[in-house]
Amino acid sequence: MAGKSQKIIDFESAMAELERIVADMEAGKMPLEDSLAAYKRGAELLSFCRGRLEDAQQQVSVLENGVLKDFSASGEMGSN
């Protein structure tokens, strides 16, 4: 696992890689150097995913302030 950082393609790929890293680390069979590299990569992936989620949340907020205003506060469409 040691080496240069890999490019992160998209949210789904980042989550899948992060899940693999966690599973490998939980198995407890990695040498220390590989564990440190895995932890560093996991931190990069986590930061990337958090950023994407924050972006998505921002976009939803913008939509809620405009296009999606037709929905009631309870989450159901208004009745006539």
PDB file of N, CA and C in Angstrom:
ATOM      1  N   MET A   1       0.809  -1.201   0.000  1.00  0.00           N
ATOM      2  CA  MET A   1       0.000   0.000   0.000  1.00  0.00           C
ATOM      3  C   MET A   1       0.851   1.263   0.000  1.00  0.00           C
ATOM      4  N   ALA A   2       2.112   1.120   0.330  1.00  0.00           N
ATOM      5  CA  ALA A   2       3.008   2.268   0.343  1.00  0.00           C
ATOM      6  C   ALA A   2       3.212   2.774  -1.065  1.00  0.00           C
ATOM      7  N   GLY A   3       3.494   4.048  -1.198  1.00  0.00           N
ATOM      8  CA  GLY A   3       3.735   4.628  -2.516  1.00  0.00           C
ATOM      9  C   GLY A   3       3.046   5.967  -2.639  1.00  0.00           C
ATOM     10  N   LYS A   4       2.989   6.430  -3.884  1.00  0.00           N
ATOM     11  CA  LYS A   4       2.369   7.725  -4.151  1.00  0.00           C
ATOM     12  C   LYS A   4       0.865   7.658  -3.964  1.00  0.00           C
ATOM     13  N   SER A   5       0.277   8.786  -3.623  1.00  0.00           N
ATOM     14  CA  SER A   5      -1.159   8.876  -3.463  1.00  0.00           C
ATOM     15  C   SER A   5      -1.835   8.660  -4.805  1.00  0.00           C
ATOM     16  N   GLN A   6      -2.917   7.906  -4.781  1.00  0.00           N
ATOM     17  CA  GLN A   6      -3.686   7.668  -5.993  1.00  0.00           C
ATOM     18  C   GLN A   6      -4.703   8.774  -6.141  1.00  0.00           C
ATOM     19  N   LYS A   7      -5.067   9.054  -7.387  1.00  0.00           N
ATOM     20  CA  LYS A   7      -6.087  10.061  -7.647  1.00  0.00           C
ATOM     21  C   LYS A   7      -7.452   9.518  -7.241  1.00  0.00           C
ATOM     22  N   ILE A   8      -8.273  10.364  -6.666  1.00  0.00           N
ATOM     23  CA  ILE A   8      -9.630   9.986  -6.277  1.00  0.00           C
ATOM     24  C   ILE A   8     -10.550  10.347  -7.436  1.00  0.00           C
ATOM     25  N   ILE A   9     -11.259   9.354  -7.948  1.00  0.00           N
ATOM     26  CA  ILE A   9     -12.104   9.560  -9.125  1.00  0.00           C
ATOM     27  C   ILE A   9     -13.457  10.162  -8.758  1.00  0.00           C
ATOM     28  N   ASP A  10     -14.229   9.474  -7.911  1.00  0.00           N
ATOM     29  CA  ASP A  10     -15.556   9.952  -7.539  1.00  0.00           C
ATOM     30  C   ASP A  10     -15.920   9.465  -6.145  1.00  0.00           C
ATOM     31  N   PHE A  11     -17.034   9.938  -5.643  1.00  0.00           N
ATOM     32  CA  PHE A  11     -17.474   9.627  -4.287  1.00  0.00           C
ATOM     33  C   PHE A  11     -17.622   8.125  -4.067  1.00  0.00           C
ATOM     34  N   GLU A  12     -18.287   7.444  -5.002  1.00  0.00           N
ATOM     35  CA  GLU A  12     -18.534   6.014  -4.841  1.00  0.00           C
ATOM     36  C   GLU A  12     -17.236   5.219  -4.810  1.00  0.00           C
ATOM     37  N   SER A  13     -16.292   5.563  -5.674  1.00  0.00           N
ATOM     38  CA  SER A  13     -14.997   4.885  -5.691  1.00  0.00           C
ATOM     39  C   SER A  13     -14.238   5.146  -4.400  1.00  0.00           C
ATOM     40  N   ALA A  14     -14.312   6.379  -3.919  1.00  0.00           N
ATOM     41  CA  ALA A  14     -13.627   6.743  -2.681  1.00  0.00           C
ATOM     42  C   ALA A  14     -14.204   5.961  -1.503  1.00  0.00           C
ATOM     43  N   MET A  15     -15.532   5.843  -1.448  1.00  0.00           N
ATOM     44  CA  MET A  15     -16.171   5.096  -0.361  1.00  0.00           C
ATOM     45  C   MET A  15     -15.788   3.620  -0.419  1.00  0.00           C
ATOM     46  N   ALA A  16     -15.769   3.048  -1.621  1.00  0.00           N
ATOM     47  CA  ALA A  16     -15.411   1.631  -1.768  1.00  0.00           C
ATOM     48  C   ALA A  16     -13.971   1.392  -1.321  1.00  0.00           C
ATOM     49  N   GLU A  17     -13.068   2.300  -1.716  1.00  0.00           N
ATOM     50  CA  GLU A  17     -11.666   2.155  -1.312  1.00  0.00           C
ATOM     51  C   GLU A  17     -11.520   2.324   0.195  1.00  0.00           C
ATOM     52  N   LEU A  18     -12.241   3.274   0.756  1.00  0.00           N
ATOM     53  CA  LEU A  18     -12.189   3.503   2.198  1.00  0.00           C
ATOM     54  C   LEU A  18     -12.684   2.268   2.957  1.00  0.00           C
ATOM     55  N   GLU A  19     -13.733   1.644   2.472  1.00  0.00           N
ATOM     56  CA  GLU A  19     -14.250   0.430   3.105  1.00  0.00           C
ATOM     57  C   GLU A  19     -13.218  -0.696   3.046  1.00  0.00           C
ATOM     58  N   ARG A  20     -12.511  -0.825   1.921  1.00  0.00           N
ATOM     59  CA  ARG A  20     -11.467  -1.851   1.804  1.00  0.00           C
ATOM     60  C   ARG A  20     -10.331  -1.590   2.785  1.00  0.00           C
ATOM     61  N   ILE A  21      -9.948  -0.326   2.896  1.00  0.00           N
ATOM     62  CA  ILE A  21      -8.867   0.044   3.811  1.00  0.00           C
ATOM     63  C   ILE A  21      -9.251  -0.290   5.251  1.00  0.00           C
ATOM     64  N   VAL A  22     -10.468   0.068   5.642  1.00  0.00           N
ATOM     65  CA  VAL A  22     -10.933  -0.209   7.006  1.00  0.00           C
ATOM     66  C   VAL A  22     -10.940  -1.711   7.258  1.00  0.00           C
ATOM     67  N   ALA A  23     -11.438  -2.489   6.300  1.00  0.00           N
ATOM     68  CA  ALA A  23     -11.481  -3.944   6.466  1.00  0.00           C
ATOM     69  C   ALA A  23     -10.073  -4.511   6.603  1.00  0.00           C
ATOM     70  N   ASP A  24      -9.136  -4.033   5.778  1.00  0.00           N
ATOM     71  CA  ASP A  24      -7.751  -4.506   5.851  1.00  0.00           C
ATOM     72  C   ASP A  24      -7.117  -4.157   7.193  1.00  0.00           C
ATOM     73  N   MET A  25      -7.377  -2.943   7.658  1.00  0.00           N
ATOM     74  CA  MET A  25      -6.794  -2.521   8.932  1.00  0.00           C
ATOM     75  C   MET A  25      -7.410  -3.290  10.095  1.00  0.00           C
ATOM     76  N   GLU A  26      -8.715  -3.533  10.022  1.00  0.00           N
ATOM     77  CA  GLU A  26      -9.374  -4.280  11.095  1.00  0.00           C
ATOM     78  C   GLU A  26      -8.887  -5.724  11.161  1.00  0.00           C
ATOM     79  N   ALA A  27      -8.457  -6.266  10.027  1.00  0.00           N
ATOM     80  CA  ALA A  27      -7.939  -7.636   9.998  1.00  0.00           C
ATOM     81  C   ALA A  27      -6.652  -7.743  10.816  1.00  0.00           C
ATOM     82  N   GLY A  28      -5.928  -6.620  10.972  1.00  0.00           N
ATOM     83  CA  GLY A  28      -4.745  -6.575  11.819  1.00  0.00           C
ATOM     84  C   GLY A  28      -3.538  -7.321  11.291  1.00  0.00           C
ATOM     85  N   LYS A  29      -3.491  -7.562  10.004  1.00  0.00           N
ATOM     86  CA  LYS A  29      -2.386  -8.332   9.442  1.00  0.00           C
ATOM     87  C   LYS A  29      -1.421  -7.485   8.623  1.00  0.00           C
ATOM     88  N   MET A  30      -1.579  -6.171   8.671  1.00  0.00           N
ATOM     89  CA  MET A  30      -0.699  -5.272   7.915  1.00  0.00           C
ATOM     90  C   MET A  30       0.545  -4.949   8.716  1.00  0.00           C
ATOM     91  N   PRO A  31       1.691  -4.888   8.040  1.00  0.00           N
ATOM     92  CA  PRO A  31       2.888  -4.383   8.719  1.00  0.00           C
ATOM     93  C   PRO A  31       2.671  -2.913   9.093  1.00  0.00           C
ATOM     94  N   LEU A  32       3.430  -2.435  10.051  1.00  0.00           N
ATOM     95  CA  LEU A  32       3.266  -1.070  10.546  1.00  0.00           C
ATOM     96  C   LEU A  32       3.341  -0.037   9.425  1.00  0.00           C
ATOM     97  N   GLU A  33       4.337  -0.145   8.557  1.00  0.00           N
ATOM     98  CA  GLU A  33       4.501   0.834   7.471  1.00  0.00           C
ATOM     99  C   GLU A  33       3.263   0.872   6.570  1.00  0.00           C
ATOM    100  N   ASP A  34       2.731  -0.306   6.248  1.00  0.00           N
ATOM    101  CA  ASP A  34       1.531  -0.362   5.416  1.00  0.00           C
ATOM    102  C   ASP A  34       0.318   0.199   6.154  1.00  0.00           C
ATOM    103  N   SER A  35       0.242  -0.042   7.452  1.00  0.00           N
ATOM    104  CA  SER A  35      -0.857   0.496   8.248  1.00  0.00           C
ATOM    105  C   SER A  35      -0.834   2.025   8.255  1.00  0.00           C
ATOM    106  N   LEU A  36       0.358   2.591   8.388  1.00  0.00           N
ATOM    107  CA  LEU A  36       0.486   4.059   8.367  1.00  0.00           C
ATOM    108  C   LEU A  36       0.082   4.625   7.015  1.00  0.00           C
ATOM    109  N   ALA A  37       0.520   3.969   5.932  1.00  0.00           N
ATOM    110  CA  ALA A  37       0.160   4.416   4.583  1.00  0.00           C
ATOM    111  C   ALA A  37      -1.350   4.291   4.377  1.00  0.00           C
ATOM    112  N   ALA A  38      -1.933   3.199   4.872  1.00  0.00           N
ATOM    113  CA  ALA A  38      -3.368   2.994   4.741  1.00  0.00           C
ATOM    114  C   ALA A  38      -4.136   4.058   5.524  1.00  0.00           C
ATOM    115  N   TYR A  39      -3.652   4.386   6.717  1.00  0.00           N
ATOM    116  CA  TYR A  39      -4.300   5.412   7.531  1.00  0.00           C
ATOM    117  C   TYR A  39      -4.259   6.766   6.815  1.00  0.00           C
ATOM    118  N   LYS A  40      -3.107   7.089   6.232  1.00  0.00           N
ATOM    119  CA  LYS A  40      -2.969   8.362   5.506  1.00  0.00           C
ATOM    120  C   LYS A  40      -3.916   8.404   4.310  1.00  0.00           C
ATOM    121  N   ARG A  41      -3.970   7.324   3.548  1.00  0.00           N
ATOM    122  CA  ARG A  41      -4.859   7.264   2.393  1.00  0.00           C
ATOM    123  C   ARG A  41      -6.312   7.349   2.856  1.00  0.00           C
ATOM    124  N   GLY A  42      -6.639   6.659   3.936  1.00  0.00           N
ATOM    125  CA  GLY A  42      -7.993   6.718   4.470  1.00  0.00           C
ATOM    126  C   GLY A  42      -8.389   8.126   4.871  1.00  0.00           C
ATOM    127  N   ALA A  43      -7.448   8.862   5.463  1.00  0.00           N
ATOM    128  CA  ALA A  43      -7.719  10.253   5.840  1.00  0.00           C
ATOM    129  C   ALA A  43      -7.981  11.110   4.608  1.00  0.00           C
ATOM    130  N   GLU A  44      -7.222  10.880   3.532  1.00  0.00           N
ATOM    131  CA  GLU A  44      -7.441  11.608   2.276  1.00  0.00           C
ATOM    132  C   GLU A  44      -8.821  11.295   1.712  1.00  0.00           C
ATOM    133  N   LEU A  45      -9.171  10.015   1.707  1.00  0.00           N
ATOM    134  CA  LEU A  45     -10.470   9.601   1.182  1.00  0.00           C
ATOM    135  C   LEU A  45     -11.609  10.166   2.011  1.00  0.00           C
ATOM    136  N   LEU A  46     -11.462  10.143   3.331  1.00  0.00           N
ATOM    137  CA  LEU A  46     -12.482  10.673   4.218  1.00  0.00           C
ATOM    138  C   LEU A  46     -12.691  12.171   3.985  1.00  0.00           C
ATOM    139  N   SER A  47     -11.604  12.891   3.838  1.00  0.00           N
ATOM    140  CA  SER A  47     -11.682  14.328   3.575  1.00  0.00           C
ATOM    141  C   SER A  47     -12.389  14.599   2.242  1.00  0.00           C
ATOM    142  N   PHE A  48     -12.041  13.820   1.219  1.00  0.00           N
ATOM    143  CA  PHE A  48     -12.667  13.958  -0.096  1.00  0.00           C
ATOM    144  C   PHE A  48     -14.170  13.700   0.007  1.00  0.00           C
ATOM    145  N   CYS A  49     -14.550  12.607   0.685  1.00  0.00           N
ATOM    146  CA  CYS A  49     -15.964  12.253   0.806  1.00  0.00           C
ATOM    147  C   CYS A  49     -16.743  13.310   1.580  1.00  0.00           C
ATOM    148  N   ARG A  50     -16.157  13.803   2.659  1.00  0.00           N
ATOM    149  CA  ARG A  50     -16.822  14.863   3.428  1.00  0.00           C
ATOM    150  C   ARG A  50     -17.044  16.101   2.562  1.00  0.00           C
ATOM    151  N   GLY A  51     -16.045  16.453   1.769  1.00  0.00           N
ATOM    152  CA  GLY A  51     -16.180  17.606   0.878  1.00  0.00           C
ATOM    153  C   GLY A  51     -17.297  17.417  -0.126  1.00  0.00           C
ATOM    154  N   ARG A  52     -17.376  16.215  -0.706  1.00  0.00           N
ATOM    155  CA  ARG A  52     -18.442  15.925  -1.673  1.00  0.00           C
ATOM    156  C   ARG A  52     -19.812  15.977  -1.003  1.00  0.00           C
ATOM    157  N   LEU A  53     -19.912  15.438   0.206  1.00  0.00           N
ATOM    158  CA  LEU A  53     -21.187  15.474   0.919  1.00  0.00           C
ATOM    159  C   LEU A  53     -21.601  16.907   1.261  1.00  0.00           C
ATOM    160  N   GLU A  54     -20.630  17.718   1.653  1.00  0.00           N
ATOM    161  CA  GLU A  54     -20.929  19.127   1.949  1.00  0.00           C
ATOM    162  C   GLU A  54     -21.388  19.850   0.687  1.00  0.00           C
ATOM    163  N   ASP A  55     -20.750  19.553  -0.462  1.00  0.00           N
ATOM    164  CA  ASP A  55     -21.172  20.141  -1.741  1.00  0.00           C
ATOM    165  C   ASP A  55     -22.608  19.744  -2.066  1.00  0.00           C
ATOM    166  N   ALA A  56     -22.907  18.451  -1.890  1.00  0.00           N
ATOM    167  CA  ALA A  56     -24.255  17.963  -2.179  1.00  0.00           C
ATOM    168  C   ALA A  56     -25.276  18.618  -1.254  1.00  0.00           C
ATOM    169  N   GLN A  57     -24.918  18.762   0.027  1.00  0.00           N
ATOM    170  CA  GLN A  57     -25.818  19.396   0.986  1.00  0.00           C
ATOM    171  C   GLN A  57     -26.080  20.852   0.587  1.00  0.00           C
ATOM    172  N   GLN A  58     -25.040  21.524   0.118  1.00  0.00           N
ATOM    173  CA  GLN A  58     -25.195  22.917  -0.335  1.00  0.00           C
ATOM    174  C   GLN A  58     -26.147  22.990  -1.527  1.00  0.00           C
ATOM    175  N   GLN A  59     -26.012  22.057  -2.465  1.00  0.00           N
ATOM    176  CA  GLN A  59     -26.878  22.040  -3.646  1.00  0.00           C
ATOM    177  C   GLN A  59     -28.325  21.771  -3.250  1.00  0.00           C
ATOM    178  N   VAL A  60     -28.535  20.853  -2.298  1.00  0.00           N
ATOM    179  CA  VAL A  60     -29.888  20.560  -1.827  1.00  0.00           C
ATOM    180  C   VAL A  60     -30.482  21.798  -1.167  1.00  0.00           C
ATOM    181  N   SER A  61     -29.678  22.517  -0.391  1.00  0.00           N
ATOM    182  CA  SER A  61     -30.168  23.737   0.254  1.00  0.00           C
ATOM    183  C   SER A  61     -30.613  24.762  -0.775  1.00  0.00           C
ATOM    184  N   VAL A  62     -29.843  24.892  -1.845  1.00  0.00           N
ATOM    185  CA  VAL A  62     -30.209  25.831  -2.907  1.00  0.00           C
ATOM    186  C   VAL A  62     -31.523  25.408  -3.545  1.00  0.00           C
ATOM    187  N   LEU A  63     -31.666  24.105  -3.817  1.00  0.00           N
ATOM    188  CA  LEU A  63     -32.908  23.609  -4.405  1.00  0.00           C
ATOM    189  C   LEU A  63     -34.089  23.810  -3.462  1.00  0.00           C
ATOM    190  N   GLU A  64     -33.874  23.563  -2.181  1.00  0.00           N
ATOM    191  CA  GLU A  64     -34.957  23.727  -1.209  1.00  0.00           C
ATOM    192  C   GLU A  64     -35.424  25.172  -1.137  1.00  0.00           C
ATOM    193  N   ASN A  65     -34.544  26.096  -1.439  1.00  0.00           N
ATOM    194  CA  ASN A  65     -34.909  27.516  -1.402  1.00  0.00           C
ATOM    195  C   ASN A  65     -35.588  27.962  -2.684  1.00  0.00           C
ATOM    196  N   GLY A  66     -35.776  27.056  -3.629  1.00  0.00           N
ATOM    197  CA  GLY A  66     -36.411  27.423  -4.886  1.00  0.00           C
ATOM    198  C   GLY A  66     -37.312  26.333  -5.406  1.00  0.00           C
ATOM    199  N   VAL A  67     -36.748  25.460  -6.175  1.00  0.00           N
ATOM    200  CA  VAL A  67     -37.494  24.463  -6.926  1.00  0.00           C
ATOM    201  C   VAL A  67     -38.337  23.547  -6.047  1.00  0.00           C
ATOM    202  N   LEU A  68     -37.837  23.108  -4.924  1.00  0.00           N
ATOM    203  CA  LEU A  68     -38.538  22.122  -4.122  1.00  0.00           C
ATOM    204  C   LEU A  68     -39.473  22.726  -3.071  1.00  0.00           C
ATOM    205  N   LYS A  69     -39.783  24.005  -3.166  1.00  0.00           N
ATOM    206  CA  LYS A  69     -40.636  24.672  -2.179  1.00  0.00           C
ATOM    207  C   LYS A  69     -42.065  24.129  -2.179  1.00  0.00           C
ATOM    208  N   ASP A  70     -42.458  23.373  -3.208  1.00  0.00           N
ATOM    209  CA  ASP A  70     -43.827  22.869  -3.292  1.00  0.00           C
ATOM    210  C   ASP A  70     -44.123  21.783  -2.268  1.00  0.00           C
ATOM    211  N   PHE A  71     -43.119  21.204  -1.633  1.00  0.00           N
ATOM    212  CA  PHE A  71     -43.325  20.156  -0.649  1.00  0.00           C
ATOM    213  C   PHE A  71     -43.630  20.776   0.708  1.00  0.00           C
ATOM    214  N   SER A  72     -44.502  20.099   1.474  1.00  0.00           N
ATOM    215  CA  SER A  72     -44.850  20.600   2.799  1.00  0.00           C
ATOM    216  C   SER A  72     -43.732  20.277   3.779  1.00  0.00           C
ATOM    217  N   ALA A  73     -43.806  20.878   4.952  1.00  0.00           N
ATOM    218  CA  ALA A  73     -42.780  20.662   5.982  1.00  0.00           C
ATOM    219  C   ALA A  73     -42.724  19.212   6.437  1.00  0.00           C
ATOM    220  N   SER A  74     -43.822  18.470   6.299  1.00  0.00           N
ATOM    221  CA  SER A  74     -43.856  17.074   6.733  1.00  0.00           C
ATOM    222  C   SER A  74     -43.237  16.150   5.686  1.00  0.00           C
ATOM    223  N   GLY A  75     -42.875  16.695   4.546  1.00  0.00           N
ATOM    224  CA  GLY A  75     -42.245  15.885   3.512  1.00  0.00           C
ATOM    225  C   GLY A  75     -43.235  15.320   2.507  1.00  0.00           C
ATOM    226  N   GLU A  76     -44.513  15.638   2.666  1.00  0.00           N
ATOM    227  CA  GLU A  76     -45.530  15.150   1.745  1.00  0.00           C
ATOM    228  C   GLU A  76     -45.955  16.289   0.845  1.00  0.00           C
ATOM    229  N   MET A  77     -46.433  15.940  -0.327  1.00  0.00           N
ATOM    230  CA  MET A  77     -46.928  16.955  -1.252  1.00  0.00           C
ATOM    231  C   MET A  77     -48.229  17.517  -0.704  1.00  0.00           C
ATOM    232  N   GLY A  78     -48.454  18.799  -0.931  1.00  0.00           N
ATOM    233  CA  GLY A  78     -49.667  19.435  -0.440  1.00  0.00           C
ATOM    234  C   GLY A  78     -50.913  18.877  -1.092  1.00  0.00           C
ATOM    235  N   SER A  79     -52.013  18.810  -0.352  1.00  0.00           N
ATOM    236  CA  SER A  79     -53.271  18.303  -0.909  1.00  0.00           C
ATOM    237  C   SER A  79     -54.161  19.474  -1.268  1.00  0.00           C
ATOM    238  N   ASN A  80     -55.053  19.221  -2.213  1.00  0.00           N
ATOM    239  CA  ASN A  80     -55.965  20.274  -2.669  1.00  0.00           C
ATOM    240  C   ASN A  80     -57.257  20.241  -1.916  1.00  0.00           C
TER     241      ASN A  80
END
